[in-house]
Amino acid sequence: MAVAWRFVRPGPLRTSLQVTGSLLVFVPQLFIIFLLYQSVALLLYQEALLSLWMVGVAVLATRHLWERWKQDGQMPSRWQRLSRWRETPEEFAFQAGVQRALRERRRRQNPVVLGIIALVMGGFGLYLGKVFLADAFYPRAVVEGRVENLRYRPGSRAPRLSEIMINGQTFRATHDLHHQLRPGECIRAEIGAGSHAILRWQRR
């Protein structure tokens, strides 16, 4: 839909394609983030999604810093051609107004704050990306044994993985395992190489 609306004449159909396409992209992501660390089935998606968002924010902050350093408010010509492909004159005018407002806002932004945002978000994003790649593509450790303990990690109330102890070894777990497992049960679990969390399991 993001591609198709550009071939449609301005009107209700074009607007509907734009709105529907945007909703199909962003609404599922909001649900995935809202259910952070609640489900084994969503853990890999959440790692990848959060990594992409954080790296994206870091890239955007870095781009603003670069434009501020260059003292150039214009977008690169190639980017202009790609972003304005098959747009109407009214859309050109609207985008020009938005760009002017953004340039004015950038001039008031503190470059130190932008630098901190780029470093922090980029660092966390790259870390989560590394965790995702290890969980998704590296060999998983297989653990079989009895569940000895289930506990939430101490600290803040922020969403986080909990802990599960199997045969004296401690691993990370999503919250749904607390509702499905009890101490004393025997399970077979596959442990991710990056997060050291249970990514797949079954009772024995």
N, C-alpha and C. Protein backbone atom coordinates (compact mmCIF):
# COMPACT_ATOMS: atom_id res chain seq x y z
N MET A 1 0.83 -1.21 0.00
CA MET A 1 0.00 0.00 0.00
C MET A 1 0.86 1.26 0.00
N ALA A 2 2.04 1.19 0.69
CA ALA A 2 2.92 2.35 0.73
C ALA A 2 3.42 2.70 -0.67
N VAL A 3 3.52 1.72 -1.56
CA VAL A 3 3.94 1.98 -2.94
C VAL A 3 2.72 2.29 -3.82
N ALA A 4 1.63 1.56 -3.59
CA ALA A 4 0.48 1.66 -4.49
C ALA A 4 -0.17 3.04 -4.47
N TRP A 5 -0.22 3.72 -3.30
CA TRP A 5 -0.95 5.00 -3.23
C TRP A 5 -0.32 6.06 -4.13
N ARG A 6 0.98 5.93 -4.45
CA ARG A 6 1.64 6.92 -5.28
C ARG A 6 1.17 6.85 -6.74
N PHE A 7 0.56 5.74 -7.14
CA PHE A 7 0.07 5.60 -8.50
C PHE A 7 -1.41 5.94 -8.62
N VAL A 8 -2.03 6.36 -7.50
CA VAL A 8 -3.46 6.66 -7.48
C VAL A 8 -3.64 8.17 -7.48
N ARG A 9 -4.63 8.65 -8.22
CA ARG A 9 -4.90 10.08 -8.26
C ARG A 9 -5.32 10.59 -6.88
N PRO A 10 -5.00 11.85 -6.55
CA PRO A 10 -5.42 12.41 -5.26
C PRO A 10 -6.93 12.30 -5.08
N GLY A 11 -7.32 11.85 -3.90
CA GLY A 11 -8.73 11.66 -3.61
C GLY A 11 -8.91 10.72 -2.44
N PRO A 12 -10.15 10.32 -2.16
CA PRO A 12 -10.43 9.45 -1.00
C PRO A 12 -9.69 8.12 -1.05
N LEU A 13 -9.58 7.51 -2.25
CA LEU A 13 -8.91 6.21 -2.34
C LEU A 13 -7.43 6.34 -1.98
N ARG A 14 -6.79 7.38 -2.48
CA ARG A 14 -5.37 7.59 -2.19
C ARG A 14 -5.16 7.81 -0.69
N THR A 15 -6.01 8.63 -0.08
CA THR A 15 -5.90 8.88 1.35
C THR A 15 -6.14 7.60 2.15
N SER A 16 -7.13 6.81 1.73
CA SER A 16 -7.43 5.56 2.44
C SER A 16 -6.25 4.59 2.38
N LEU A 17 -5.59 4.52 1.22
CA LEU A 17 -4.43 3.65 1.10
C LEU A 17 -3.30 4.11 2.02
N GLN A 18 -3.08 5.43 2.08
CA GLN A 18 -2.04 5.96 2.96
C GLN A 18 -2.31 5.63 4.42
N VAL A 19 -3.55 5.90 4.86
CA VAL A 19 -3.90 5.69 6.26
C VAL A 19 -3.86 4.21 6.61
N THR A 20 -4.44 3.36 5.76
CA THR A 20 -4.48 1.93 6.04
C THR A 20 -3.07 1.35 6.06
N GLY A 21 -2.24 1.74 5.09
CA GLY A 21 -0.86 1.25 5.07
C GLY A 21 -0.10 1.63 6.32
N SER A 22 -0.27 2.88 6.77
CA SER A 22 0.42 3.33 7.99
C SER A 22 -0.05 2.54 9.21
N LEU A 23 -1.36 2.31 9.31
CA LEU A 23 -1.89 1.55 10.44
C LEU A 23 -1.38 0.12 10.44
N LEU A 24 -1.31 -0.50 9.26
CA LEU A 24 -0.82 -1.88 9.18
C LEU A 24 0.64 -1.99 9.59
N VAL A 25 1.40 -0.91 9.41
CA VAL A 25 2.81 -0.94 9.81
C VAL A 25 2.96 -0.69 11.31
N PHE A 26 2.28 0.33 11.84
CA PHE A 26 2.59 0.78 13.19
C PHE A 26 1.75 0.14 14.29
N VAL A 27 0.49 -0.17 14.04
CA VAL A 27 -0.35 -0.72 15.12
C VAL A 27 0.19 -2.05 15.65
N PRO A 28 0.56 -3.03 14.79
CA PRO A 28 1.12 -4.27 15.35
C PRO A 28 2.38 -4.03 16.18
N GLN A 29 3.19 -3.06 15.80
CA GLN A 29 4.40 -2.77 16.57
C GLN A 29 4.05 -2.27 17.97
N LEU A 30 3.00 -1.47 18.09
CA LEU A 30 2.60 -0.98 19.40
C LEU A 30 2.17 -2.12 20.30
N PHE A 31 1.44 -3.09 19.75
CA PHE A 31 1.02 -4.24 20.55
C PHE A 31 2.21 -5.08 20.98
N ILE A 32 3.18 -5.25 20.05
CA ILE A 32 4.35 -6.06 20.38
C ILE A 32 5.15 -5.40 21.51
N ILE A 33 5.29 -4.06 21.46
CA ILE A 33 6.02 -3.37 22.52
C ILE A 33 5.22 -3.39 23.82
N PHE A 34 3.89 -3.25 23.73
CA PHE A 34 3.05 -3.27 24.94
C PHE A 34 3.16 -4.61 25.66
N LEU A 35 3.32 -5.70 24.90
CA LEU A 35 3.44 -7.03 25.49
C LEU A 35 4.88 -7.43 25.75
N LEU A 36 5.75 -6.44 26.01
CA LEU A 36 7.17 -6.68 26.18
C LEU A 36 7.44 -7.72 27.27
N TYR A 37 8.16 -8.76 26.88
CA TYR A 37 8.61 -9.83 27.77
C TYR A 37 7.46 -10.63 28.38
N GLN A 38 6.29 -10.59 27.75
CA GLN A 38 5.16 -11.35 28.27
C GLN A 38 5.06 -12.74 27.65
N SER A 39 5.64 -12.93 26.46
CA SER A 39 5.41 -14.17 25.73
C SER A 39 6.70 -14.69 25.11
N VAL A 40 6.92 -16.01 25.22
CA VAL A 40 8.06 -16.64 24.57
C VAL A 40 7.97 -16.46 23.06
N ALA A 41 6.77 -16.57 22.51
CA ALA A 41 6.59 -16.51 21.06
C ALA A 41 6.94 -15.14 20.49
N LEU A 42 6.86 -14.07 21.30
CA LEU A 42 7.11 -12.72 20.80
C LEU A 42 8.52 -12.22 21.11
N LEU A 43 9.32 -12.98 21.85
CA LEU A 43 10.58 -12.46 22.34
C LEU A 43 11.52 -12.05 21.21
N LEU A 44 11.69 -12.89 20.19
CA LEU A 44 12.58 -12.56 19.08
C LEU A 44 12.07 -11.33 18.31
N TYR A 45 10.76 -11.27 18.09
CA TYR A 45 10.19 -10.10 17.40
C TYR A 45 10.47 -8.83 18.19
N GLN A 46 10.31 -8.90 19.51
CA GLN A 46 10.51 -7.72 20.34
C GLN A 46 11.96 -7.26 20.32
N GLU A 47 12.89 -8.21 20.38
CA GLU A 47 14.31 -7.84 20.31
C GLU A 47 14.62 -7.13 19.00
N ALA A 48 14.14 -7.69 17.89
CA ALA A 48 14.41 -7.09 16.58
C ALA A 48 13.74 -5.73 16.45
N LEU A 49 12.49 -5.63 16.90
CA LEU A 49 11.74 -4.39 16.76
C LEU A 49 12.36 -3.26 17.58
N LEU A 50 12.68 -3.53 18.84
CA LEU A 50 13.27 -2.50 19.69
C LEU A 50 14.63 -2.08 19.15
N SER A 51 15.40 -3.03 18.64
CA SER A 51 16.70 -2.70 18.07
C SER A 51 16.55 -1.76 16.88
N LEU A 52 15.62 -2.07 15.99
CA LEU A 52 15.42 -1.22 14.81
C LEU A 52 14.96 0.18 15.18
N TRP A 53 14.02 0.27 16.14
CA TRP A 53 13.53 1.58 16.55
C TRP A 53 14.65 2.41 17.18
N MET A 54 15.44 1.79 18.06
CA MET A 54 16.50 2.54 18.74
C MET A 54 17.57 2.99 17.76
N VAL A 55 17.98 2.10 16.86
CA VAL A 55 18.97 2.48 15.86
C VAL A 55 18.41 3.58 14.95
N GLY A 56 17.12 3.47 14.61
CA GLY A 56 16.50 4.48 13.77
C GLY A 56 16.50 5.85 14.43
N VAL A 57 16.17 5.90 15.72
CA VAL A 57 16.21 7.17 16.45
C VAL A 57 17.62 7.73 16.50
N ALA A 58 18.61 6.84 16.71
CA ALA A 58 20.00 7.28 16.75
C ALA A 58 20.44 7.85 15.40
N VAL A 59 20.04 7.20 14.32
CA VAL A 59 20.39 7.69 12.98
C VAL A 59 19.74 9.05 12.72
N LEU A 60 18.48 9.20 13.14
CA LEU A 60 17.79 10.48 12.95
C LEU A 60 18.47 11.60 13.73
N ALA A 61 18.85 11.31 15.00
CA ALA A 61 19.54 12.31 15.80
C ALA A 61 20.89 12.66 15.20
N THR A 62 21.60 11.65 14.69
CA THR A 62 22.90 11.90 14.06
C THR A 62 22.74 12.75 12.81
N ARG A 63 21.70 12.47 12.04
CA ARG A 63 21.45 13.26 10.83
C ARG A 63 21.16 14.72 11.17
N HIS A 64 20.39 14.95 12.23
CA HIS A 64 20.12 16.32 12.65
C HIS A 64 21.41 17.02 13.08
N LEU A 65 22.28 16.29 13.79
CA LEU A 65 23.56 16.87 14.19
C LEU A 65 24.41 17.21 12.96
N TRP A 66 24.41 16.33 11.98
CA TRP A 66 25.19 16.56 10.77
C TRP A 66 24.68 17.78 10.02
N GLU A 67 23.37 17.91 9.90
CA GLU A 67 22.80 19.06 9.21
C GLU A 67 23.09 20.35 9.98
N ARG A 68 23.06 20.25 11.29
CA ARG A 68 23.37 21.45 12.10
C ARG A 68 24.82 21.85 11.92
N TRP A 69 25.71 20.85 11.87
CA TRP A 69 27.12 21.13 11.69
C TRP A 69 27.40 21.73 10.31
N LYS A 70 26.70 21.24 9.30
CA LYS A 70 26.89 21.75 7.95
C LYS A 70 26.20 23.09 7.75
N GLN A 71 25.30 23.45 8.68
CA GLN A 71 24.50 24.67 8.54
C GLN A 71 23.74 24.65 7.21
N ASP A 72 23.18 23.47 6.93
CA ASP A 72 22.48 23.29 5.65
C ASP A 72 21.14 22.67 5.95
N GLY A 73 20.08 23.40 5.69
CA GLY A 73 18.76 22.87 5.98
C GLY A 73 18.13 22.10 4.85
N GLN A 74 18.84 22.01 3.71
CA GLN A 74 18.24 21.34 2.57
C GLN A 74 18.50 19.85 2.62
N MET A 75 17.53 19.08 2.18
CA MET A 75 17.68 17.64 2.07
C MET A 75 18.55 17.33 0.85
N PRO A 76 19.30 16.23 0.86
CA PRO A 76 20.07 15.83 -0.31
C PRO A 76 19.16 15.66 -1.52
N SER A 77 19.68 16.02 -2.68
CA SER A 77 18.85 15.99 -3.89
C SER A 77 18.32 14.60 -4.19
N ARG A 78 19.14 13.59 -3.98
CA ARG A 78 18.67 12.23 -4.24
C ARG A 78 17.51 11.88 -3.32
N TRP A 79 17.64 12.25 -2.04
CA TRP A 79 16.55 12.00 -1.09
C TRP A 79 15.29 12.76 -1.50
N GLN A 80 15.46 13.97 -2.00
CA GLN A 80 14.30 14.74 -2.46
C GLN A 80 13.60 14.00 -3.60
N ARG A 81 14.37 13.50 -4.54
CA ARG A 81 13.74 12.81 -5.68
C ARG A 81 13.00 11.58 -5.23
N LEU A 82 13.57 10.84 -4.29
CA LEU A 82 12.90 9.62 -3.82
C LEU A 82 11.65 9.94 -3.01
N SER A 83 11.75 10.95 -2.13
CA SER A 83 10.63 11.23 -1.23
C SER A 83 9.49 11.96 -1.93
N ARG A 84 9.77 12.64 -3.04
CA ARG A 84 8.73 13.42 -3.71
C ARG A 84 8.28 12.78 -5.03
N TRP A 85 8.56 11.52 -5.17
CA TRP A 85 8.21 10.82 -6.41
C TRP A 85 6.69 10.80 -6.61
N ARG A 86 6.21 11.32 -7.74
CA ARG A 86 4.81 11.31 -8.13
C ARG A 86 3.91 12.04 -7.13
N GLU A 87 4.39 13.06 -6.49
CA GLU A 87 3.54 13.84 -5.59
C GLU A 87 2.94 15.02 -6.34
N THR A 88 1.82 15.49 -5.85
CA THR A 88 1.11 16.61 -6.47
C THR A 88 1.72 17.93 -6.00
N PRO A 89 1.43 19.06 -6.71
CA PRO A 89 1.94 20.37 -6.24
C PRO A 89 1.49 20.71 -4.83
N GLU A 90 0.25 20.30 -4.47
CA GLU A 90 -0.22 20.57 -3.11
C GLU A 90 0.63 19.83 -2.08
N GLU A 91 1.01 18.60 -2.42
CA GLU A 91 1.84 17.83 -1.50
C GLU A 91 3.25 18.42 -1.42
N PHE A 92 3.76 18.92 -2.55
CA PHE A 92 5.05 19.60 -2.54
C PHE A 92 5.01 20.78 -1.56
N ALA A 93 3.94 21.60 -1.67
CA ALA A 93 3.82 22.78 -0.82
C ALA A 93 3.71 22.39 0.65
N PHE A 94 2.94 21.35 0.93
CA PHE A 94 2.78 20.89 2.31
C PHE A 94 4.13 20.43 2.89
N GLN A 95 4.87 19.64 2.10
CA GLN A 95 6.16 19.16 2.57
C GLN A 95 7.14 20.30 2.78
N ALA A 96 7.10 21.31 1.91
CA ALA A 96 8.00 22.45 2.08
C ALA A 96 7.73 23.17 3.40
N GLY A 97 6.43 23.31 3.75
CA GLY A 97 6.09 23.93 5.02
C GLY A 97 6.56 23.11 6.20
N VAL A 98 6.40 21.78 6.10
CA VAL A 98 6.86 20.90 7.18
C VAL A 98 8.36 21.00 7.34
N GLN A 99 9.09 21.00 6.21
CA GLN A 99 10.54 21.08 6.28
C GLN A 99 11.01 22.40 6.90
N ARG A 100 10.34 23.49 6.57
CA ARG A 100 10.71 24.77 7.19
C ARG A 100 10.51 24.73 8.70
N ALA A 101 9.39 24.15 9.12
CA ALA A 101 9.12 24.05 10.56
C ALA A 101 10.16 23.16 11.24
N LEU A 102 10.54 22.07 10.59
CA LEU A 102 11.54 21.18 11.17
C LEU A 102 12.90 21.85 11.27
N ARG A 103 13.28 22.62 10.22
CA ARG A 103 14.56 23.31 10.26
C ARG A 103 14.60 24.33 11.40
N GLU A 104 13.48 25.04 11.58
CA GLU A 104 13.42 26.01 12.67
C GLU A 104 13.51 25.33 14.02
N ARG A 105 12.89 24.17 14.13
CA ARG A 105 12.94 23.43 15.39
C ARG A 105 14.35 22.91 15.66
N ARG A 106 15.05 22.46 14.60
CA ARG A 106 16.41 21.95 14.78
C ARG A 106 17.34 23.04 15.29
N ARG A 107 17.13 24.28 14.83
CA ARG A 107 18.00 25.36 15.26
C ARG A 107 17.89 25.60 16.77
N ARG A 108 16.74 25.26 17.34
CA ARG A 108 16.54 25.49 18.77
C ARG A 108 16.95 24.29 19.61
N GLN A 109 17.28 23.16 18.96
CA GLN A 109 17.65 21.96 19.70
C GLN A 109 19.10 22.05 20.21
N ASN A 110 19.31 21.54 21.41
CA ASN A 110 20.64 21.51 21.99
C ASN A 110 21.44 20.37 21.37
N PRO A 111 22.59 20.67 20.73
CA PRO A 111 23.35 19.60 20.09
C PRO A 111 23.88 18.57 21.08
N VAL A 112 24.11 18.98 22.33
CA VAL A 112 24.58 18.02 23.34
C VAL A 112 23.51 16.97 23.61
N VAL A 113 22.25 17.42 23.71
CA VAL A 113 21.14 16.48 23.94
C VAL A 113 21.02 15.51 22.76
N LEU A 114 21.13 16.04 21.54
CA LEU A 114 21.06 15.18 20.36
C LEU A 114 22.19 14.16 20.37
N GLY A 115 23.39 14.60 20.77
CA GLY A 115 24.52 13.68 20.83
C GLY A 115 24.30 12.57 21.85
N ILE A 116 23.75 12.93 23.02
CA ILE A 116 23.47 11.92 24.05
C ILE A 116 22.43 10.93 23.56
N ILE A 117 21.37 11.46 22.92
CA ILE A 117 20.33 10.57 22.39
C ILE A 117 20.92 9.61 21.36
N ALA A 118 21.76 10.13 20.47
CA ALA A 118 22.36 9.28 19.44
C ALA A 118 23.22 8.19 20.06
N LEU A 119 24.03 8.55 21.07
CA LEU A 119 24.92 7.57 21.69
C LEU A 119 24.15 6.51 22.48
N VAL A 120 23.19 6.97 23.30
CA VAL A 120 22.46 6.04 24.16
C VAL A 120 21.57 5.12 23.34
N MET A 121 20.75 5.71 22.46
CA MET A 121 19.85 4.89 21.66
C MET A 121 20.61 3.99 20.69
N GLY A 122 21.68 4.54 20.10
CA GLY A 122 22.49 3.72 19.20
C GLY A 122 23.15 2.57 19.93
N GLY A 123 23.68 2.83 21.12
CA GLY A 123 24.33 1.78 21.89
C GLY A 123 23.38 0.67 22.28
N PHE A 124 22.22 1.04 22.84
CA PHE A 124 21.24 0.03 23.22
C PHE A 124 20.70 -0.70 22.00
N GLY A 125 20.48 0.05 20.91
CA GLY A 125 19.98 -0.58 19.69
C GLY A 125 20.93 -1.61 19.13
N LEU A 126 22.23 -1.28 19.09
CA LEU A 126 23.22 -2.23 18.59
C LEU A 126 23.34 -3.43 19.52
N TYR A 127 23.24 -3.19 20.83
CA TYR A 127 23.30 -4.30 21.78
C TYR A 127 22.12 -5.26 21.58
N LEU A 128 20.91 -4.69 21.47
CA LEU A 128 19.75 -5.55 21.24
C LEU A 128 19.82 -6.25 19.90
N GLY A 129 20.39 -5.57 18.89
CA GLY A 129 20.57 -6.22 17.60
C GLY A 129 21.51 -7.40 17.69
N LYS A 130 22.58 -7.25 18.46
CA LYS A 130 23.51 -8.37 18.67
C LYS A 130 22.83 -9.52 19.40
N VAL A 131 22.02 -9.18 20.41
CA VAL A 131 21.29 -10.22 21.15
C VAL A 131 20.32 -10.96 20.22
N PHE A 132 19.60 -10.21 19.38
CA PHE A 132 18.66 -10.82 18.45
C PHE A 132 19.37 -11.76 17.48
N LEU A 133 20.47 -11.31 16.89
CA LEU A 133 21.19 -12.14 15.92
C LEU A 133 21.68 -13.43 16.58
N ALA A 134 22.18 -13.32 17.81
CA ALA A 134 22.65 -14.52 18.51
C ALA A 134 21.50 -15.47 18.83
N ASP A 135 20.37 -14.91 19.28
CA ASP A 135 19.20 -15.74 19.59
C ASP A 135 18.63 -16.42 18.35
N ALA A 136 18.62 -15.67 17.24
CA ALA A 136 17.96 -16.18 16.04
C ALA A 136 18.82 -17.14 15.23
N PHE A 137 20.14 -16.93 15.21
CA PHE A 137 20.97 -17.66 14.26
C PHE A 137 22.07 -18.52 14.89
N TYR A 138 22.42 -18.27 16.14
CA TYR A 138 23.44 -19.09 16.77
C TYR A 138 22.81 -20.38 17.32
N PRO A 139 23.60 -21.45 17.46
CA PRO A 139 23.05 -22.69 18.04
C PRO A 139 22.52 -22.45 19.45
N ARG A 140 21.41 -23.09 19.77
CA ARG A 140 20.80 -22.94 21.08
C ARG A 140 21.24 -24.08 22.00
N ALA A 141 21.48 -23.73 23.26
CA ALA A 141 21.79 -24.75 24.25
C ALA A 141 20.50 -25.44 24.68
N VAL A 142 20.56 -26.76 24.84
CA VAL A 142 19.39 -27.55 25.25
C VAL A 142 19.60 -27.99 26.70
N VAL A 143 18.63 -27.68 27.54
CA VAL A 143 18.70 -28.03 28.95
C VAL A 143 17.48 -28.88 29.30
N GLU A 144 17.71 -30.02 29.94
CA GLU A 144 16.62 -30.88 30.41
C GLU A 144 16.79 -31.08 31.91
N GLY A 145 15.70 -30.91 32.63
CA GLY A 145 15.78 -31.12 34.06
C GLY A 145 14.56 -30.60 34.79
N ARG A 146 14.70 -30.51 36.11
CA ARG A 146 13.60 -30.12 36.99
C ARG A 146 13.66 -28.62 37.30
N VAL A 147 12.50 -27.98 37.25
CA VAL A 147 12.40 -26.56 37.61
C VAL A 147 12.53 -26.44 39.12
N GLU A 148 13.54 -25.72 39.58
CA GLU A 148 13.79 -25.58 41.00
C GLU A 148 13.23 -24.29 41.58
N ASN A 149 13.19 -23.25 40.75
CA ASN A 149 12.72 -21.97 41.27
C ASN A 149 12.30 -21.06 40.12
N LEU A 150 11.30 -20.23 40.38
CA LEU A 150 10.85 -19.20 39.44
C LEU A 150 10.74 -17.89 40.22
N ARG A 151 11.37 -16.85 39.72
CA ARG A 151 11.33 -15.58 40.46
C ARG A 151 11.51 -14.42 39.50
N TYR A 152 10.92 -13.30 39.89
CA TYR A 152 11.11 -12.07 39.15
C TYR A 152 12.40 -11.42 39.62
N ARG A 153 13.13 -10.83 38.69
CA ARG A 153 14.39 -10.20 39.03
C ARG A 153 14.15 -8.96 39.86
N PRO A 154 14.91 -8.76 40.94
CA PRO A 154 14.73 -7.57 41.78
C PRO A 154 15.17 -6.32 41.05
N GLY A 155 14.57 -5.20 41.46
CA GLY A 155 14.94 -3.92 40.84
C GLY A 155 13.72 -3.09 40.57
N SER A 156 13.78 -2.29 39.50
CA SER A 156 12.67 -1.39 39.18
C SER A 156 11.49 -2.17 38.65
N ARG A 157 10.38 -1.45 38.46
CA ARG A 157 9.17 -2.07 37.95
C ARG A 157 9.12 -2.08 36.42
N ALA A 158 10.20 -1.67 35.78
CA ALA A 158 10.24 -1.66 34.32
C ALA A 158 10.14 -3.09 33.79
N PRO A 159 9.56 -3.27 32.59
CA PRO A 159 9.46 -4.62 32.02
C PRO A 159 10.83 -5.26 31.90
N ARG A 160 10.93 -6.49 32.34
CA ARG A 160 12.19 -7.21 32.27
C ARG A 160 11.94 -8.71 32.29
N LEU A 161 12.93 -9.47 31.85
CA LEU A 161 12.82 -10.92 31.90
C LEU A 161 12.96 -11.39 33.34
N SER A 162 12.25 -12.45 33.66
CA SER A 162 12.35 -13.04 35.00
C SER A 162 13.42 -14.14 34.98
N GLU A 163 13.54 -14.88 36.07
CA GLU A 163 14.56 -15.90 36.19
C GLU A 163 13.94 -17.26 36.48
N ILE A 164 14.53 -18.29 35.92
CA ILE A 164 14.09 -19.66 36.16
C ILE A 164 15.34 -20.50 36.42
N MET A 165 15.29 -21.34 37.45
CA MET A 165 16.43 -22.18 37.79
C MET A 165 16.11 -23.63 37.44
N ILE A 166 16.97 -24.23 36.61
CA ILE A 166 16.81 -25.62 36.18
C ILE A 166 18.10 -26.35 36.47
N ASN A 167 18.03 -27.39 37.29
CA ASN A 167 19.20 -28.19 37.65
C ASN A 167 20.36 -27.32 38.14
N GLY A 168 20.04 -26.33 38.95
CA GLY A 168 21.08 -25.48 39.52
C GLY A 168 21.58 -24.38 38.61
N GLN A 169 21.09 -24.31 37.38
CA GLN A 169 21.49 -23.26 36.45
C GLN A 169 20.36 -22.22 36.32
N THR A 170 20.73 -20.96 36.27
CA THR A 170 19.75 -19.89 36.18
C THR A 170 19.68 -19.34 34.77
N PHE A 171 18.47 -19.25 34.24
CA PHE A 171 18.23 -18.72 32.91
C PHE A 171 17.16 -17.63 33.00
N ARG A 172 16.98 -16.91 31.91
CA ARG A 172 15.95 -15.88 31.86
C ARG A 172 14.69 -16.45 31.22
N ALA A 173 13.57 -15.87 31.59
CA ALA A 173 12.29 -16.39 31.10
C ALA A 173 11.28 -15.26 30.96
N THR A 174 10.36 -15.41 30.03
CA THR A 174 9.26 -14.46 29.89
C THR A 174 8.19 -14.75 30.94
N HIS A 175 7.29 -13.78 31.12
CA HIS A 175 6.34 -13.87 32.22
C HIS A 175 5.34 -15.01 32.05
N ASP A 176 5.06 -15.42 30.82
CA ASP A 176 4.06 -16.48 30.65
C ASP A 176 4.52 -17.81 31.27
N LEU A 177 5.83 -18.01 31.39
CA LEU A 177 6.30 -19.26 32.01
C LEU A 177 5.91 -19.33 33.48
N HIS A 178 5.81 -18.18 34.14
CA HIS A 178 5.40 -18.19 35.54
C HIS A 178 3.98 -18.70 35.72
N HIS A 179 3.16 -18.50 34.70
CA HIS A 179 1.76 -18.94 34.80
C HIS A 179 1.57 -20.38 34.31
N GLN A 180 2.58 -20.93 33.64
CA GLN A 180 2.43 -22.27 33.09
C GLN A 180 3.27 -23.32 33.80
N LEU A 181 4.34 -22.91 34.49
CA LEU A 181 5.24 -23.86 35.14
C LEU A 181 5.13 -23.75 36.66
N ARG A 182 5.45 -24.85 37.30
CA ARG A 182 5.51 -24.90 38.76
C ARG A 182 6.81 -25.56 39.17
N PRO A 183 7.40 -25.16 40.31
CA PRO A 183 8.61 -25.84 40.79
C PRO A 183 8.37 -27.34 40.94
N GLY A 184 9.33 -28.12 40.49
CA GLY A 184 9.23 -29.57 40.54
C GLY A 184 8.91 -30.20 39.20
N GLU A 185 8.40 -29.42 38.24
CA GLU A 185 8.10 -29.96 36.92
C GLU A 185 9.39 -30.19 36.12
N CYS A 186 9.37 -31.20 35.28
CA CYS A 186 10.51 -31.49 34.41
C CYS A 186 10.22 -30.94 33.01
N ILE A 187 11.18 -30.21 32.46
CA ILE A 187 10.99 -29.62 31.14
C ILE A 187 12.25 -29.79 30.29
N ARG A 188 12.06 -29.62 29.00
CA ARG A 188 13.17 -29.54 28.05
C ARG A 188 13.12 -28.14 27.45
N ALA A 189 14.20 -27.38 27.59
CA ALA A 189 14.20 -25.98 27.17
C ALA A 189 15.35 -25.71 26.22
N GLU A 190 15.10 -24.82 25.24
CA GLU A 190 16.13 -24.33 24.34
C GLU A 190 16.48 -22.90 24.75
N ILE A 191 17.77 -22.66 24.99
CA ILE A 191 18.22 -21.39 25.53
C ILE A 191 18.89 -20.56 24.43
N GLY A 192 18.46 -19.31 24.27
CA GLY A 192 19.04 -18.43 23.27
C GLY A 192 20.47 -18.05 23.61
N ALA A 193 21.34 -17.97 22.60
CA ALA A 193 22.75 -17.66 22.82
C ALA A 193 22.98 -16.20 23.19
N GLY A 194 22.05 -15.32 22.83
CA GLY A 194 22.23 -13.90 23.11
C GLY A 194 21.61 -13.45 24.42
N SER A 195 20.34 -13.75 24.61
CA SER A 195 19.62 -13.31 25.81
C SER A 195 19.72 -14.28 26.96
N HIS A 196 20.17 -15.52 26.68
CA HIS A 196 20.19 -16.59 27.68
C HIS A 196 18.79 -16.82 28.25
N ALA A 197 17.80 -16.63 27.42
CA ALA A 197 16.40 -16.82 27.80
C ALA A 197 15.85 -18.07 27.12
N ILE A 198 14.81 -18.63 27.71
CA ILE A 198 14.14 -19.80 27.12
C ILE A 198 13.33 -19.34 25.91
N LEU A 199 13.67 -19.89 24.74
CA LEU A 199 12.98 -19.52 23.51
C LEU A 199 11.99 -20.59 23.07
N ARG A 200 12.16 -21.81 23.57
CA ARG A 200 11.22 -22.89 23.26
C ARG A 200 11.32 -23.91 24.38
N TRP A 201 10.18 -24.50 24.74
CA TRP A 201 10.20 -25.46 25.83
C TRP A 201 9.05 -26.43 25.71
N GLN A 202 9.18 -27.55 26.42
CA GLN A 202 8.09 -28.53 26.51
C GLN A 202 8.27 -29.35 27.78
N ARG A 203 7.16 -29.82 28.29
CA ARG A 203 7.21 -30.64 29.50
C ARG A 203 7.71 -32.04 29.14
N ARG A 204 8.39 -32.66 30.10
CA ARG A 204 8.90 -34.02 29.92
C ARG A 204 8.06 -35.01 30.72
